[in-house]
Amino acid sequence: MTDATAPDAVLESTDGGRHFRVRGELGLRSARGLWQQGLQELASGPMTVDLEQVVRADSAGLAVLVAWTRESRTSGQPLSFVNIPAQLRNLALVCGVESLLSLGRPGDEAEAR
């Protein structure tokens, strides 16, 4: 069940440069906008995305990360995920995409390869 008080996820720069964070609920309502925004940012250069402030994620949100990873590999632009919440890591494991996202141990940085 979705918590009505959890805001939709947003992608925002944390330093005015190539470090970003996703904040809020990474789900169906926010997936399309995040997907497009992330692809635009990735076209501009490498990205590090901090996921620590993701309060909840579903398969649509996970699909956004997979799409960004696929674009990273196609374009040759490095993409790293950091501070991956346990719930998102477990969802990736259940969906069988943890190796695609190169998710390391909790606390590790995961880089799309």
C-alpha atoms as a PDB file:
ATOM      1  CA  MET A   1       0.000   0.000   0.000  1.00  0.00           C
ATOM      2  CA  THR A   2       1.265   3.494  -0.799  1.00  0.00           C
ATOM      3  CA  ASP A   3       1.664   6.047   1.972  1.00  0.00           C
ATOM      4  CA  ALA A   4      -0.254   9.129   0.828  1.00  0.00           C
ATOM      5  CA  THR A   5       2.151  11.327   2.809  1.00  0.00           C
ATOM      6  CA  ALA A   6       5.256  10.130   0.949  1.00  0.00           C
ATOM      7  CA  PRO A   7       6.142  12.636  -1.779  1.00  0.00           C
ATOM      8  CA  ASP A   8       6.836  11.517  -5.327  1.00  0.00           C
ATOM      9  CA  ALA A   9      10.530  11.128  -6.005  1.00  0.00           C
ATOM     10  CA  VAL A  10      12.533  13.989  -7.441  1.00  0.00           C
ATOM     11  CA  LEU A  11      16.024  14.033  -8.946  1.00  0.00           C
ATOM     12  CA  GLU A  12      18.029  17.023  -7.814  1.00  0.00           C
ATOM     13  CA  SER A  13      21.639  18.114  -8.021  1.00  0.00           C
ATOM     14  CA  THR A  14      23.383  18.147  -4.659  1.00  0.00           C
ATOM     15  CA  ASP A  15      26.393  20.222  -5.703  1.00  0.00           C
ATOM     16  CA  GLY A  16      25.379  22.082  -8.848  1.00  0.00           C
ATOM     17  CA  GLY A  17      27.416  19.534 -10.798  1.00  0.00           C
ATOM     18  CA  ARG A  18      27.236  15.815 -11.544  1.00  0.00           C
ATOM     19  CA  HIS A  19      26.178  14.544  -8.096  1.00  0.00           C
ATOM     20  CA  PHE A  20      22.453  13.985  -7.678  1.00  0.00           C
ATOM     21  CA  ARG A  21      20.041  12.568  -5.152  1.00  0.00           C
ATOM     22  CA  VAL A  22      16.660  10.952  -5.536  1.00  0.00           C
ATOM     23  CA  ARG A  23      14.358  12.025  -2.721  1.00  0.00           C
ATOM     24  CA  GLY A  24      10.876  10.656  -2.002  1.00  0.00           C
ATOM     25  CA  GLU A  25       8.890   7.673  -3.239  1.00  0.00           C
ATOM     26  CA  LEU A  26      10.455   6.072  -6.326  1.00  0.00           C
ATOM     27  CA  GLY A  27       7.323   4.609  -7.849  1.00  0.00           C
ATOM     28  CA  LEU A  28       4.891   4.560 -10.720  1.00  0.00           C
ATOM     29  CA  ARG A  29       3.729   8.178 -10.323  1.00  0.00           C
ATOM     30  CA  SER A  30       7.242   9.588 -10.539  1.00  0.00           C
ATOM     31  CA  ALA A  31       8.869   7.027 -12.857  1.00  0.00           C
ATOM     32  CA  ARG A  32       8.271   8.657 -16.239  1.00  0.00           C
ATOM     33  CA  GLY A  33       9.476  12.109 -15.212  1.00  0.00           C
ATOM     34  CA  LEU A  34      12.523  10.728 -13.395  1.00  0.00           C
ATOM     35  CA  TRP A  35      13.361   8.476 -16.338  1.00  0.00           C
ATOM     36  CA  GLN A  36      13.340  11.426 -18.736  1.00  0.00           C
ATOM     37  CA  GLN A  37      15.207  13.765 -16.407  1.00  0.00           C
ATOM     38  CA  GLY A  38      17.866  11.148 -15.670  1.00  0.00           C
ATOM     39  CA  LEU A  39      18.432  10.442 -19.361  1.00  0.00           C
ATOM     40  CA  GLN A  40      18.863  14.165 -20.028  1.00  0.00           C
ATOM     41  CA  GLU A  41      21.354  14.514 -17.189  1.00  0.00           C
ATOM     42  CA  LEU A  42      23.254  11.400 -18.267  1.00  0.00           C
ATOM     43  CA  ALA A  43      23.566  12.819 -21.792  1.00  0.00           C
ATOM     44  CA  SER A  44      25.409  15.774 -20.244  1.00  0.00           C
ATOM     45  CA  GLY A  45      28.044  13.690 -18.472  1.00  0.00           C
ATOM     46  CA  PRO A  46      28.758  11.121 -15.789  1.00  0.00           C
ATOM     47  CA  MET A  47      26.395  10.908 -12.824  1.00  0.00           C
ATOM     48  CA  THR A  48      26.566   9.826  -9.225  1.00  0.00           C
ATOM     49  CA  VAL A  49      23.087   9.270  -7.798  1.00  0.00           C
ATOM     50  CA  ASP A  50      22.550   9.102  -4.033  1.00  0.00           C
ATOM     51  CA  LEU A  51      19.493   6.976  -3.197  1.00  0.00           C
ATOM     52  CA  GLU A  52      19.597   7.387   0.587  1.00  0.00           C
ATOM     53  CA  GLN A  53      16.479   9.580   0.703  1.00  0.00           C
ATOM     54  CA  VAL A  54      14.299   7.148  -1.260  1.00  0.00           C
ATOM     55  CA  VAL A  55      11.566   6.337   1.246  1.00  0.00           C
ATOM     56  CA  ARG A  56      10.023   3.535  -0.826  1.00  0.00           C
ATOM     57  CA  ALA A  57      10.454   2.024  -4.272  1.00  0.00           C
ATOM     58  CA  ASP A  58       8.420  -0.275  -6.486  1.00  0.00           C
ATOM     59  CA  SER A  59       9.149  -2.109  -9.726  1.00  0.00           C
ATOM     60  CA  ALA A  60       8.467   1.021 -11.820  1.00  0.00           C
ATOM     61  CA  GLY A  61      11.078   2.908  -9.820  1.00  0.00           C
ATOM     62  CA  LEU A  62      13.505   0.040 -10.192  1.00  0.00           C
ATOM     63  CA  ALA A  63      12.874   0.095 -13.947  1.00  0.00           C
ATOM     64  CA  VAL A  64      14.034   3.740 -13.984  1.00  0.00           C
ATOM     65  CA  LEU A  65      17.387   2.715 -12.500  1.00  0.00           C
ATOM     66  CA  VAL A  66      17.679  -0.122 -15.012  1.00  0.00           C
ATOM     67  CA  ALA A  67      16.924   2.272 -17.897  1.00  0.00           C
ATOM     68  CA  TRP A  68      19.536   4.745 -16.659  1.00  0.00           C
ATOM     69  CA  THR A  69      22.031   1.893 -16.366  1.00  0.00           C
ATOM     70  CA  ARG A  70      21.287   0.699 -19.891  1.00  0.00           C
ATOM     71  CA  GLU A  71      21.752   4.251 -21.242  1.00  0.00           C
ATOM     72  CA  SER A  72      24.992   4.584 -19.274  1.00  0.00           C
ATOM     73  CA  ARG A  73      26.365   1.465 -20.916  1.00  0.00           C
ATOM     74  CA  THR A  74      25.178   2.505 -24.387  1.00  0.00           C
ATOM     75  CA  SER A  75      26.535   6.044 -24.151  1.00  0.00           C
ATOM     76  CA  GLY A  76      29.710   5.213 -22.269  1.00  0.00           C
ATOM     77  CA  GLN A  77      28.836   7.789 -19.586  1.00  0.00           C
ATOM     78  CA  PRO A  78      29.712   6.514 -16.084  1.00  0.00           C
ATOM     79  CA  LEU A  79      26.806   6.144 -13.664  1.00  0.00           C
ATOM     80  CA  SER A  80      27.121   5.299  -9.973  1.00  0.00           C
ATOM     81  CA  PHE A  81      24.453   4.655  -7.359  1.00  0.00           C
ATOM     82  CA  VAL A  82      25.351   5.272  -3.709  1.00  0.00           C
ATOM     83  CA  ASN A  83      23.558   4.748  -0.389  1.00  0.00           C
ATOM     84  CA  ILE A  84      21.114   2.206  -1.810  1.00  0.00           C
ATOM     85  CA  PRO A  85      18.314   1.518   0.705  1.00  0.00           C
ATOM     86  CA  ALA A  86      17.833  -2.100   1.799  1.00  0.00           C
ATOM     87  CA  GLN A  87      14.253  -2.157   0.471  1.00  0.00           C
ATOM     88  CA  LEU A  88      15.433  -1.125  -3.012  1.00  0.00           C
ATOM     89  CA  ARG A  89      18.346  -3.570  -2.897  1.00  0.00           C
ATOM     90  CA  ASN A  90      15.964  -6.391  -1.917  1.00  0.00           C
ATOM     91  CA  LEU A  91      13.537  -5.460  -4.707  1.00  0.00           C
ATOM     92  CA  ALA A  92      16.400  -5.634  -7.225  1.00  0.00           C
ATOM     93  CA  LEU A  93      17.349  -9.053  -5.849  1.00  0.00           C
ATOM     94  CA  VAL A  94      13.773 -10.381  -6.091  1.00  0.00           C
ATOM     95  CA  CYS A  95      13.433  -9.008  -9.641  1.00  0.00           C
ATOM     96  CA  GLY A  96      16.767 -10.536 -10.659  1.00  0.00           C
ATOM     97  CA  VAL A  97      18.419  -7.262 -11.697  1.00  0.00           C
ATOM     98  CA  GLU A  98      20.903  -6.793  -8.846  1.00  0.00           C
ATOM     99  CA  SER A  99      23.805  -7.876 -11.062  1.00  0.00           C
ATOM    100  CA  LEU A 100      22.620  -5.618 -13.901  1.00  0.00           C
ATOM    101  CA  LEU A 101      22.757  -2.665 -11.526  1.00  0.00           C
ATOM    102  CA  SER A 102      26.055  -3.932 -10.065  1.00  0.00           C
ATOM    103  CA  LEU A 103      24.749  -3.546  -6.548  1.00  0.00           C
ATOM    104  CA  GLY A 104      27.470  -4.230  -4.029  1.00  0.00           C
ATOM    105  CA  ARG A 105      27.159  -4.794  -0.313  1.00  0.00           C
ATOM    106  CA  PRO A 106      25.126  -2.276   1.703  1.00  0.00           C
ATOM    107  CA  GLY A 107      27.100   0.956   2.059  1.00  0.00           C
ATOM    108  CA  ASP A 108      29.135   0.266  -1.075  1.00  0.00           C
ATOM    109  CA  GLU A 109      28.955   2.427  -4.155  1.00  0.00           C
ATOM    110  CA  ALA A 110      27.374   0.619  -7.100  1.00  0.00           C
ATOM    111  CA  GLU A 111      28.615   1.554 -10.541  1.00  0.00           C
ATOM    112  CA  ALA A 112      26.853   0.681 -13.782  1.00  0.00           C
ATOM    113  CA  ARG A 113      29.316  -1.226 -15.919  1.00  0.00           C
END
